Amino acid sequence: MNPFEFFDLFDTFEWDDGNLQKNIVLHDVSPFECEEIFFNFPVLIKFDQKHSQAEKRYFALGRTDRNRFLFVGVVLRNRKVRVITGRDMNKKEVRIYEDNKKRNSPV
């Protein structure tokens, strides 16, 4: 999905305490870092077919300002992005992110 198309679908981020604490305790990822990757280009956003049983879910692969590669799983509700999980990308996800970056590079 084009990031700009995704940005048209929401106005703000929303957090629930359970997911917020889980990301900090299990993955050492702050809410700020999860949100930050959506505004650092390039960001790769895809529909998550596997986890979309009850509602449509998406995942984003991106980097923080400190160059941390993150996977962020989200759901859209009432024009709000609710972060379900945020964690470091695994090797396969880094490769997908880097390959996508090369393919879409203007140079």
PDB file of N, CA and C in Angstrom:
ATOM      1  N   MET A   1       0.853  -1.183   0.000  1.00  0.00           N
ATOM      2  CA  MET A   1       0.000   0.000   0.000  1.00  0.00           C
ATOM      3  C   MET A   1       0.889   1.234   0.000  1.00  0.00           C
ATOM      4  N   ASN A   2       0.507   2.192  -0.792  1.00  0.00           N
ATOM      5  CA  ASN A   2       1.202   3.472  -0.804  1.00  0.00           C
ATOM      6  C   ASN A   2       1.019   4.141   0.558  1.00  0.00           C
ATOM      7  N   PRO A   3       2.120   4.573   1.212  1.00  0.00           N
ATOM      8  CA  PRO A   3       1.982   5.202   2.538  1.00  0.00           C
ATOM      9  C   PRO A   3       1.012   6.379   2.546  1.00  0.00           C
ATOM     10  N   PHE A   4       0.970   7.141   1.468  1.00  0.00           N
ATOM     11  CA  PHE A   4       0.087   8.305   1.445  1.00  0.00           C
ATOM     12  C   PHE A   4      -1.384   7.892   1.409  1.00  0.00           C
ATOM     13  N   GLU A   5      -1.689   6.778   0.757  1.00  0.00           N
ATOM     14  CA  GLU A   5      -3.057   6.247   0.788  1.00  0.00           C
ATOM     15  C   GLU A   5      -3.418   5.830   2.207  1.00  0.00           C
ATOM     16  N   PHE A   6      -2.470   5.202   2.898  1.00  0.00           N
ATOM     17  CA  PHE A   6      -2.700   4.775   4.279  1.00  0.00           C
ATOM     18  C   PHE A   6      -2.919   5.991   5.176  1.00  0.00           C
ATOM     19  N   PHE A   7      -2.121   7.040   4.988  1.00  0.00           N
ATOM     20  CA  PHE A   7      -2.243   8.243   5.821  1.00  0.00           C
ATOM     21  C   PHE A   7      -3.612   8.896   5.677  1.00  0.00           C
ATOM     22  N   ASP A   8      -4.247   8.738   4.528  1.00  0.00           N
ATOM     23  CA  ASP A   8      -5.585   9.299   4.325  1.00  0.00           C
ATOM     24  C   ASP A   8      -6.645   8.582   5.159  1.00  0.00           C
ATOM     25  N   LEU A   9      -6.321   7.414   5.686  1.00  0.00           N
ATOM     26  CA  LEU A   9      -7.292   6.611   6.431  1.00  0.00           C
ATOM     27  C   LEU A   9      -7.345   6.925   7.923  1.00  0.00           C
ATOM     28  N   PHE A  10      -6.393   7.716   8.430  1.00  0.00           N
ATOM     29  CA  PHE A  10      -6.378   7.973   9.874  1.00  0.00           C
ATOM     30  C   PHE A  10      -5.979   9.400  10.205  1.00  0.00           C
ATOM     31  N   ASP A  11      -6.353   9.813  11.428  1.00  0.00           N
ATOM     32  CA  ASP A  11      -6.037  11.151  11.919  1.00  0.00           C
ATOM     33  C   ASP A  11      -5.050  11.139  13.077  1.00  0.00           C
ATOM     34  N   THR A  12      -5.028  10.041  13.828  1.00  0.00           N
ATOM     35  CA  THR A  12      -4.202   9.995  15.033  1.00  0.00           C
ATOM     36  C   THR A  12      -3.903   8.546  15.408  1.00  0.00           C
ATOM     37  N   PHE A  13      -3.075   8.381  16.417  1.00  0.00           N
ATOM     38  CA  PHE A  13      -2.776   7.059  16.970  1.00  0.00           C
ATOM     39  C   PHE A  13      -3.553   6.875  18.257  1.00  0.00           C
ATOM     40  N   GLU A  14      -3.848   5.621  18.573  1.00  0.00           N
ATOM     41  CA  GLU A  14      -4.555   5.290  19.807  1.00  0.00           C
ATOM     42  C   GLU A  14      -3.846   4.097  20.443  1.00  0.00           C
ATOM     43  N   TRP A  15      -3.722   4.147  21.761  1.00  0.00           N
ATOM     44  CA  TRP A  15      -3.039   3.080  22.492  1.00  0.00           C
ATOM     45  C   TRP A  15      -3.932   2.541  23.585  1.00  0.00           C
ATOM     46  N   ASP A  16      -3.887   1.232  23.790  1.00  0.00           N
ATOM     47  CA  ASP A  16      -4.511   0.674  24.988  1.00  0.00           C
ATOM     48  C   ASP A  16      -3.373   0.214  25.898  1.00  0.00           C
ATOM     49  N   ASP A  17      -3.630   0.219  27.188  1.00  0.00           N
ATOM     50  CA  ASP A  17      -2.585  -0.076  28.170  1.00  0.00           C
ATOM     51  C   ASP A  17      -1.935  -1.442  27.968  1.00  0.00           C
ATOM     52  N   GLY A  18      -2.731  -2.439  27.619  1.00  0.00           N
ATOM     53  CA  GLY A  18      -2.187  -3.786  27.456  1.00  0.00           C
ATOM     54  C   GLY A  18      -1.132  -3.862  26.372  1.00  0.00           C
ATOM     55  N   ASN A  19      -1.450  -3.336  25.186  1.00  0.00           N
ATOM     56  CA  ASN A  19      -0.490  -3.373  24.082  1.00  0.00           C
ATOM     57  C   ASN A  19       0.692  -2.452  24.340  1.00  0.00           C
ATOM     58  N   LEU A  20       0.436  -1.325  24.962  1.00  0.00           N
ATOM     59  CA  LEU A  20       1.515  -0.387  25.270  1.00  0.00           C
ATOM     60  C   LEU A  20       2.542  -1.053  26.182  1.00  0.00           C
ATOM     61  N   GLN A  21       2.067  -1.666  27.259  1.00  0.00           N
ATOM     62  CA  GLN A  21       2.973  -2.323  28.207  1.00  0.00           C
ATOM     63  C   GLN A  21       3.672  -3.530  27.577  1.00  0.00           C
ATOM     64  N   LYS A  22       2.934  -4.287  26.768  1.00  0.00           N
ATOM     65  CA  LYS A  22       3.515  -5.464  26.109  1.00  0.00           C
ATOM     66  C   LYS A  22       4.693  -5.064  25.228  1.00  0.00           C
ATOM     67  N   ASN A  23       4.526  -3.997  24.461  1.00  0.00           N
ATOM     68  CA  ASN A  23       5.598  -3.564  23.569  1.00  0.00           C
ATOM     69  C   ASN A  23       6.829  -3.113  24.341  1.00  0.00           C
ATOM     70  N   ILE A  24       6.607  -2.447  25.460  1.00  0.00           N
ATOM     71  CA  ILE A  24       7.732  -1.977  26.272  1.00  0.00           C
ATOM     72  C   ILE A  24       8.421  -3.153  26.962  1.00  0.00           C
ATOM     73  N   VAL A  25       7.640  -3.990  27.637  1.00  0.00           N
ATOM     74  CA  VAL A  25       8.211  -5.079  28.443  1.00  0.00           C
ATOM     75  C   VAL A  25       8.801  -6.193  27.571  1.00  0.00           C
ATOM     76  N   LEU A  26       8.046  -6.670  26.587  1.00  0.00           N
ATOM     77  CA  LEU A  26       8.506  -7.808  25.787  1.00  0.00           C
ATOM     78  C   LEU A  26       9.494  -7.436  24.687  1.00  0.00           C
ATOM     79  N   HIS A  27       9.314  -6.250  24.099  1.00  0.00           N
ATOM     80  CA  HIS A  27      10.099  -5.902  22.918  1.00  0.00           C
ATOM     81  C   HIS A  27      10.983  -4.672  23.095  1.00  0.00           C
ATOM     82  N   ASP A  28      10.874  -3.990  24.234  1.00  0.00           N
ATOM     83  CA  ASP A  28      11.652  -2.774  24.494  1.00  0.00           C
ATOM     84  C   ASP A  28      11.445  -1.728  23.389  1.00  0.00           C
ATOM     85  N   VAL A  29      10.186  -1.585  22.967  1.00  0.00           N
ATOM     86  CA  VAL A  29       9.824  -0.616  21.935  1.00  0.00           C
ATOM     87  C   VAL A  29       8.846   0.381  22.541  1.00  0.00           C
ATOM     88  N   SER A  30       9.173   1.656  22.427  1.00  0.00           N
ATOM     89  CA  SER A  30       8.316   2.700  22.992  1.00  0.00           C
ATOM     90  C   SER A  30       7.192   3.056  22.023  1.00  0.00           C
ATOM     91  N   PRO A  31       6.115   3.639  22.537  1.00  0.00           N
ATOM     92  CA  PRO A  31       5.039   4.103  21.652  1.00  0.00           C
ATOM     93  C   PRO A  31       5.553   5.114  20.628  1.00  0.00           C
ATOM     94  N   PHE A  32       6.437   5.989  21.065  1.00  0.00           N
ATOM     95  CA  PHE A  32       6.984   7.001  20.156  1.00  0.00           C
ATOM     96  C   PHE A  32       7.689   6.342  18.974  1.00  0.00           C
ATOM     97  N   GLU A  33       8.467   5.296  19.234  1.00  0.00           N
ATOM     98  CA  GLU A  33       9.177   4.615  18.146  1.00  0.00           C
ATOM     99  C   GLU A  33       8.201   3.981  17.162  1.00  0.00           C
ATOM    100  N   CYS A  34       7.138   3.370  17.681  1.00  0.00           N
ATOM    101  CA  CYS A  34       6.135   2.755  16.797  1.00  0.00           C
ATOM    102  C   CYS A  34       5.499   3.792  15.884  1.00  0.00           C
ATOM    103  N   GLU A  35       5.173   4.942  16.423  1.00  0.00           N
ATOM    104  CA  GLU A  35       4.551   6.001  15.625  1.00  0.00           C
ATOM    105  C   GLU A  35       5.555   6.630  14.666  1.00  0.00           C
ATOM    106  N   GLU A  36       6.781   6.766  15.116  1.00  0.00           N
ATOM    107  CA  GLU A  36       7.822   7.450  14.355  1.00  0.00           C
ATOM    108  C   GLU A  36       8.074   6.819  12.989  1.00  0.00           C
ATOM    109  N   ILE A  37       8.012   5.490  12.900  1.00  0.00           N
ATOM    110  CA  ILE A  37       8.354   4.864  11.618  1.00  0.00           C
ATOM    111  C   ILE A  37       7.388   5.251  10.502  1.00  0.00           C
ATOM    112  N   PHE A  38       6.166   5.632  10.857  1.00  0.00           N
ATOM    113  CA  PHE A  38       5.196   6.017   9.831  1.00  0.00           C
ATOM    114  C   PHE A  38       5.553   7.347   9.167  1.00  0.00           C
ATOM    115  N   PHE A  39       6.432   8.110   9.788  1.00  0.00           N
ATOM    116  CA  PHE A  39       6.797   9.424   9.271  1.00  0.00           C
ATOM    117  C   PHE A  39       8.235   9.487   8.779  1.00  0.00           C
ATOM    118  N   ASN A  40       8.926   8.362   8.811  1.00  0.00           N
ATOM    119  CA  ASN A  40      10.281   8.266   8.273  1.00  0.00           C
ATOM    120  C   ASN A  40      10.218   7.435   7.002  1.00  0.00           C
ATOM    121  N   PHE A  41      10.602   8.044   5.912  1.00  0.00           N
ATOM    122  CA  PHE A  41      10.534   7.342   4.632  1.00  0.00           C
ATOM    123  C   PHE A  41      11.879   6.730   4.301  1.00  0.00           C
ATOM    124  N   PRO A  42      11.872   5.568   3.678  1.00  0.00           N
ATOM    125  CA  PRO A  42      10.677   4.868   3.227  1.00  0.00           C
ATOM    126  C   PRO A  42      10.045   4.041   4.345  1.00  0.00           C
ATOM    127  N   VAL A  43       8.742   3.881   4.256  1.00  0.00           N
ATOM    128  CA  VAL A  43       8.003   2.969   5.130  1.00  0.00           C
ATOM    129  C   VAL A  43       7.195   2.052   4.210  1.00  0.00           C
ATOM    130  N   LEU A  44       7.219   0.778   4.510  1.00  0.00           N
ATOM    131  CA  LEU A  44       6.495  -0.211   3.715  1.00  0.00           C
ATOM    132  C   LEU A  44       5.267  -0.636   4.507  1.00  0.00           C
ATOM    133  N   ILE A  45       4.080  -0.440   3.948  1.00  0.00           N
ATOM    134  CA  ILE A  45       2.830  -0.780   4.631  1.00  0.00           C
ATOM    135  C   ILE A  45       2.094  -1.822   3.795  1.00  0.00           C
ATOM    136  N   LYS A  46       1.722  -2.922   4.451  1.00  0.00           N
ATOM    137  CA  LYS A  46       1.049  -4.022   3.758  1.00  0.00           C
ATOM    138  C   LYS A  46      -0.177  -4.477   4.539  1.00  0.00           C
ATOM    139  N   PHE A  47      -1.173  -4.954   3.802  1.00  0.00           N
ATOM    140  CA  PHE A  47      -2.337  -5.590   4.408  1.00  0.00           C
ATOM    141  C   PHE A  47      -1.887  -6.921   4.994  1.00  0.00           C
ATOM    142  N   ASP A  48      -2.329  -7.237   6.207  1.00  0.00           N
ATOM    143  CA  ASP A  48      -1.937  -8.466   6.903  1.00  0.00           C
ATOM    144  C   ASP A  48      -3.076  -9.482   6.826  1.00  0.00           C
ATOM    145  N   GLN A  49      -3.109 -10.216   5.731  1.00  0.00           N
ATOM    146  CA  GLN A  49      -4.181 -11.191   5.486  1.00  0.00           C
ATOM    147  C   GLN A  49      -4.257 -12.230   6.598  1.00  0.00           C
ATOM    148  N   LYS A  50      -3.107 -12.699   7.047  1.00  0.00           N
ATOM    149  CA  LYS A  50      -3.042 -13.778   8.039  1.00  0.00           C
ATOM    150  C   LYS A  50      -3.725 -13.417   9.354  1.00  0.00           C
ATOM    151  N   HIS A  51      -3.615 -12.161   9.783  1.00  0.00           N
ATOM    152  CA  HIS A  51      -4.153 -11.747  11.085  1.00  0.00           C
ATOM    153  C   HIS A  51      -5.417 -10.894  10.963  1.00  0.00           C
ATOM    154  N   SER A  52      -6.106 -10.975   9.838  1.00  0.00           N
ATOM    155  CA  SER A  52      -7.277 -10.126   9.597  1.00  0.00           C
ATOM    156  C   SER A  52      -8.588 -10.896   9.679  1.00  0.00           C
ATOM    157  N   GLN A  53      -8.754 -11.748  10.669  1.00  0.00           N
ATOM    158  CA  GLN A  53     -10.001 -12.504  10.778  1.00  0.00           C
ATOM    159  C   GLN A  53     -11.164 -11.613  11.225  1.00  0.00           C
ATOM    160  N   ALA A  54     -11.038 -10.923  12.340  1.00  0.00           N
ATOM    161  CA  ALA A  54     -12.127 -10.110  12.887  1.00  0.00           C
ATOM    162  C   ALA A  54     -12.175  -8.715  12.268  1.00  0.00           C
ATOM    163  N   GLU A  55     -11.027  -8.170  11.946  1.00  0.00           N
ATOM    164  CA  GLU A  55     -10.956  -6.832  11.346  1.00  0.00           C
ATOM    165  C   GLU A  55      -9.684  -6.729  10.523  1.00  0.00           C
ATOM    166  N   LYS A  56      -9.649  -5.753   9.620  1.00  0.00           N
ATOM    167  CA  LYS A  56      -8.490  -5.585   8.750  1.00  0.00           C
ATOM    168  C   LYS A  56      -7.288  -5.110   9.561  1.00  0.00           C
ATOM    169  N   ARG A  57      -6.199  -5.836   9.390  1.00  0.00           N
ATOM    170  CA  ARG A  57      -4.946  -5.455  10.041  1.00  0.00           C
ATOM    171  C   ARG A  57      -3.895  -5.167   8.980  1.00  0.00           C
ATOM    172  N   TYR A  58      -2.967  -4.333   9.366  1.00  0.00           N
ATOM    173  CA  TYR A  58      -1.863  -3.948   8.499  1.00  0.00           C
ATOM    174  C   TYR A  58      -0.572  -4.088   9.285  1.00  0.00           C
ATOM    175  N   PHE A  59       0.538  -4.184   8.562  1.00  0.00           N
ATOM    176  CA  PHE A  59       1.826  -4.089   9.231  1.00  0.00           C
ATOM    177  C   PHE A  59       2.687  -3.106   8.465  1.00  0.00           C
ATOM    178  N   ALA A  60       3.577  -2.480   9.195  1.00  0.00           N
ATOM    179  CA  ALA A  60       4.497  -1.513   8.609  1.00  0.00           C
ATOM    180  C   ALA A  60       5.916  -1.939   8.942  1.00  0.00           C
ATOM    181  N   LEU A  61       6.788  -1.790   7.962  1.00  0.00           N
ATOM    182  CA  LEU A  61       8.215  -1.990   8.159  1.00  0.00           C
ATOM    183  C   LEU A  61       8.870  -0.642   7.946  1.00  0.00           C
ATOM    184  N   GLY A  62       9.617  -0.192   8.949  1.00  0.00           N
ATOM    185  CA  GLY A  62      10.246   1.115   8.825  1.00  0.00           C
ATOM    186  C   GLY A  62      11.365   1.299   9.822  1.00  0.00           C
ATOM    187  N   ARG A  63      11.956   2.503   9.786  1.00  0.00           N
ATOM    188  CA  ARG A  63      13.086   2.829  10.655  1.00  0.00           C
ATOM    189  C   ARG A  63      12.758   3.999  11.557  1.00  0.00           C
ATOM    190  N   THR A  64      13.354   3.963  12.731  1.00  0.00           N
ATOM    191  CA  THR A  64      13.240   5.092  13.653  1.00  0.00           C
ATOM    192  C   THR A  64      14.333   6.106  13.316  1.00  0.00           C
ATOM    193  N   ASP A  65      14.292   7.249  13.982  1.00  0.00           N
ATOM    194  CA  ASP A  65      15.341   8.255  13.796  1.00  0.00           C
ATOM    195  C   ASP A  65      16.708   7.722  14.210  1.00  0.00           C
ATOM    196  N   ARG A  66      16.709   6.744  15.100  1.00  0.00           N
ATOM    197  CA  ARG A  66      17.971   6.142  15.559  1.00  0.00           C
ATOM    198  C   ARG A  66      18.361   4.921  14.731  1.00  0.00           C
ATOM    199  N   ASN A  67      17.711   4.773  13.585  1.00  0.00           N
ATOM    200  CA  ASN A  67      18.036   3.708  12.638  1.00  0.00           C
ATOM    201  C   ASN A  67      17.687   2.311  13.147  1.00  0.00           C
ATOM    202  N   ARG A  68      16.689   2.230  13.977  1.00  0.00           N
ATOM    203  CA  ARG A  68      16.207   0.937  14.461  1.00  0.00           C
ATOM    204  C   ARG A  68      15.140   0.432  13.491  1.00  0.00           C
ATOM    205  N   PHE A  69      15.290  -0.787  13.008  1.00  0.00           N
ATOM    206  CA  PHE A  69      14.346  -1.381  12.064  1.00  0.00           C
ATOM    207  C   PHE A  69      13.198  -2.005  12.848  1.00  0.00           C
ATOM    208  N   LEU A  70      11.969  -1.501  12.634  1.00  0.00           N
ATOM    209  CA  LEU A  70      10.824  -1.998  13.392  1.00  0.00           C
ATOM    210  C   LEU A  70       9.738  -2.579  12.493  1.00  0.00           C
ATOM    211  N   PHE A  71       9.083  -3.595  13.012  1.00  0.00           N
ATOM    212  CA  PHE A  71       7.844  -4.155  12.483  1.00  0.00           C
ATOM    213  C   PHE A  71       6.750  -3.653  13.416  1.00  0.00           C
ATOM    214  N   VAL A  72       5.717  -3.018  12.858  1.00  0.00           N
ATOM    215  CA  VAL A  72       4.609  -2.517  13.674  1.00  0.00           C
ATOM    216  C   VAL A  72       3.303  -3.033  13.075  1.00  0.00           C
ATOM    217  N   GLY A  73       2.551  -3.793  13.875  1.00  0.00           N
ATOM    218  CA  GLY A  73       1.248  -4.300  13.459  1.00  0.00           C
ATOM    219  C   GLY A  73       0.155  -3.384  13.984  1.00  0.00           C
ATOM    220  N   VAL A  74      -0.794  -3.022  13.119  1.00  0.00           N
ATOM    221  CA  VAL A  74      -1.829  -2.059  13.500  1.00  0.00           C
ATOM    222  C   VAL A  74      -3.198  -2.482  12.984  1.00  0.00           C
ATOM    223  N   VAL A  75      -4.215  -1.864  13.564  1.00  0.00           N
ATOM    224  CA  VAL A  75      -5.583  -1.966  13.081  1.00  0.00           C
ATOM    225  C   VAL A  75      -6.115  -0.535  13.001  1.00  0.00           C
ATOM    226  N   LEU A  76      -7.000  -0.282  12.043  1.00  0.00           N
ATOM    227  CA  LEU A  76      -7.621   1.043  11.915  1.00  0.00           C
ATOM    228  C   LEU A  76      -9.015   0.991  12.516  1.00  0.00           C
ATOM    229  N   ARG A  77      -9.293   1.912  13.438  1.00  0.00           N
ATOM    230  CA  ARG A  77     -10.622   2.004  14.049  1.00  0.00           C
ATOM    231  C   ARG A  77     -11.004   3.469  14.182  1.00  0.00           C
ATOM    232  N   ASN A  78     -12.119   3.829  13.587  1.00  0.00           N
ATOM    233  CA  ASN A  78     -12.642   5.199  13.713  1.00  0.00           C
ATOM    234  C   ASN A  78     -11.583   6.249  13.405  1.00  0.00           C
ATOM    235  N   ARG A  79     -10.893   6.057  12.298  1.00  0.00           N
ATOM    236  CA  ARG A  79      -9.852   6.981  11.821  1.00  0.00           C
ATOM    237  C   ARG A  79      -8.678   7.107  12.792  1.00  0.00           C
ATOM    238  N   LYS A  80      -8.483   6.065  13.598  1.00  0.00           N
ATOM    239  CA  LYS A  80      -7.341   6.021  14.518  1.00  0.00           C
ATOM    240  C   LYS A  80      -6.538   4.757  14.242  1.00  0.00           C
ATOM    241  N   VAL A  81      -5.225   4.883  14.296  1.00  0.00           N
ATOM    242  CA  VAL A  81      -4.350   3.721  14.184  1.00  0.00           C
ATOM    243  C   VAL A  81      -4.120   3.190  15.585  1.00  0.00           C
ATOM    244  N   ARG A  82      -4.539   1.956  15.807  1.00  0.00           N
ATOM    245  CA  ARG A  82      -4.295   1.304  17.099  1.00  0.00           C
ATOM    246  C   ARG A  82      -3.154   0.316  16.894  1.00  0.00           C
ATOM    247  N   VAL A  83      -2.066   0.556  17.614  1.00  0.00           N
ATOM    248  CA  VAL A  83      -0.901  -0.314  17.497  1.00  0.00           C
ATOM    249  C   VAL A  83      -1.155  -1.590  18.294  1.00  0.00           C
ATOM    250  N   ILE A  84      -1.026  -2.725  17.619  1.00  0.00           N
ATOM    251  CA  ILE A  84      -1.204  -4.027  18.251  1.00  0.00           C
ATOM    252  C   ILE A  84       0.139  -4.532  18.779  1.00  0.00           C
ATOM    253  N   THR A  85       1.174  -4.385  17.965  1.00  0.00           N
ATOM    254  CA  THR A  85       2.505  -4.818  18.372  1.00  0.00           C
ATOM    255  C   THR A  85       3.576  -4.002  17.679  1.00  0.00           C
ATOM    256  N   GLY A  86       4.690  -3.870  18.337  1.00  0.00           N
ATOM    257  CA  GLY A  86       5.877  -3.234  17.782  1.00  0.00           C
ATOM    258  C   GLY A  86       7.086  -4.014  18.254  1.00  0.00           C
ATOM    259  N   ARG A  87       7.940  -4.379  17.309  1.00  0.00           N
ATOM    260  CA  ARG A  87       9.122  -5.177  17.654  1.00  0.00           C
ATOM    261  C   ARG A  87      10.191  -4.942  16.603  1.00  0.00           C
ATOM    262  N   ASP A  88      11.406  -5.398  16.906  1.00  0.00           N
ATOM    263  CA  ASP A  88      12.473  -5.327  15.914  1.00  0.00           C
ATOM    264  C   ASP A  88      12.143  -6.266  14.757  1.00  0.00           C
ATOM    265  N   MET A  89      12.495  -5.839  13.548  1.00  0.00           N
ATOM    266  CA  MET A  89      12.298  -6.699  12.378  1.00  0.00           C
ATOM    267  C   MET A  89      13.199  -7.923  12.493  1.00  0.00           C
ATOM    268  N   ASN A  90      12.720  -9.044  11.965  1.00  0.00           N
ATOM    269  CA  ASN A  90      13.594 -10.209  11.844  1.00  0.00           C
ATOM    270  C   ASN A  90      14.407 -10.079  10.550  1.00  0.00           C
ATOM    271  N   LYS A  91      15.318 -11.002  10.308  1.00  0.00           N
ATOM    272  CA  LYS A  91      16.209 -10.910   9.140  1.00  0.00           C
ATOM    273  C   LYS A  91      15.435 -10.879   7.826  1.00  0.00           C
ATOM    274  N   LYS A  92      14.405 -11.701   7.719  1.00  0.00           N
ATOM    275  CA  LYS A  92      13.610 -11.738   6.486  1.00  0.00           C
ATOM    276  C   LYS A  92      12.921 -10.393   6.251  1.00  0.00           C
ATOM    277  N   GLU A  93      12.379  -9.792   7.304  1.00  0.00           N
ATOM    278  CA  GLU A  93      11.692  -8.502   7.177  1.00  0.00           C
ATOM    279  C   GLU A  93      12.668  -7.391   6.802  1.00  0.00           C
ATOM    280  N   VAL A  94      13.884  -7.427   7.354  1.00  0.00           N
ATOM    281  CA  VAL A  94      14.904  -6.433   6.979  1.00  0.00           C
ATOM    282  C   VAL A  94      15.215  -6.572   5.497  1.00  0.00           C
ATOM    283  N   ARG A  95      15.360  -7.796   5.019  1.00  0.00           N
ATOM    284  CA  ARG A  95      15.652  -8.029   3.603  1.00  0.00           C
ATOM    285  C   ARG A  95      14.513  -7.504   2.719  1.00  0.00           C
ATOM    286  N   ILE A  96      13.269  -7.770   3.106  1.00  0.00           N
ATOM    287  CA  ILE A  96      12.113  -7.271   2.349  1.00  0.00           C
ATOM    288  C   ILE A  96      12.117  -5.749   2.330  1.00  0.00           C
ATOM    289  N   TYR A  97      12.371  -5.143   3.485  1.00  0.00           N
ATOM    290  CA  TYR A  97      12.399  -3.680   3.593  1.00  0.00           C
ATOM    291  C   TYR A  97      13.492  -3.095   2.693  1.00  0.00           C
ATOM    292  N   GLU A  98      14.690  -3.651   2.780  1.00  0.00           N
ATOM    293  CA  GLU A  98      15.816  -3.140   1.986  1.00  0.00           C
ATOM    294  C   GLU A  98      15.587  -3.350   0.492  1.00  0.00           C
ATOM    295  N   ASP A  99      15.057  -4.505   0.101  1.00  0.00           N
ATOM    296  CA  ASP A  99      14.762  -4.756  -1.313  1.00  0.00           C
ATOM    297  C   ASP A  99      13.728  -3.765  -1.830  1.00  0.00           C
ATOM    298  N   ASN A 100      12.704  -3.504  -1.036  1.00  0.00           N
ATOM    299  CA  ASN A 100      11.676  -2.539  -1.427  1.00  0.00           C
ATOM    300  C   ASN A 100      12.270  -1.140  -1.561  1.00  0.00           C
ATOM    301  N   LYS A 101      13.153  -0.786  -0.647  1.00  0.00           N
ATOM    302  CA  LYS A 101      13.797   0.532  -0.683  1.00  0.00           C
ATOM    303  C   LYS A 101      14.615   0.689  -1.963  1.00  0.00           C
ATOM    304  N   LYS A 102      15.354  -0.346  -2.339  1.00  0.00           N
ATOM    305  CA  LYS A 102      16.168  -0.292  -3.561  1.00  0.00           C
ATOM    306  C   LYS A 102      15.290  -0.172  -4.802  1.00  0.00           C
ATOM    307  N   ARG A 103      14.202  -0.951  -4.836  1.00  0.00           N
ATOM    308  CA  ARG A 103      13.301  -0.923  -6.002  1.00  0.00           C
ATOM    309  C   ARG A 103      12.628   0.425  -6.181  1.00  0.00           C
ATOM    310  N   ASN A 104      12.368   1.109  -5.084  1.00  0.00           N
ATOM    311  CA  ASN A 104      11.634   2.372  -5.148  1.00  0.00           C
ATOM    312  C   ASN A 104      12.518   3.599  -4.988  1.00  0.00           C
ATOM    313  N   SER A 105      13.829   3.398  -5.057  1.00  0.00           N
ATOM    314  CA  SER A 105      14.764   4.514  -4.936  1.00  0.00           C
ATOM    315  C   SER A 105      14.721   5.364  -6.204  1.00  0.00           C
ATOM    316  N   PRO A 106      14.733   6.701  -6.057  1.00  0.00           N
ATOM    317  CA  PRO A 106      14.703   7.569  -7.234  1.00  0.00           C
ATOM    318  C   PRO A 106      16.021   7.568  -7.998  1.00  0.00           C
ATOM    319  N   VAL A 107      17.080   7.020  -7.411  1.00  0.00           N
ATOM    320  CA  VAL A 107      18.400   7.030  -8.066  1.00  0.00           C
ATOM    321  C   VAL A 107      18.651   5.727  -8.770  1.00  0.00           C
TER     322      VAL A 107
END
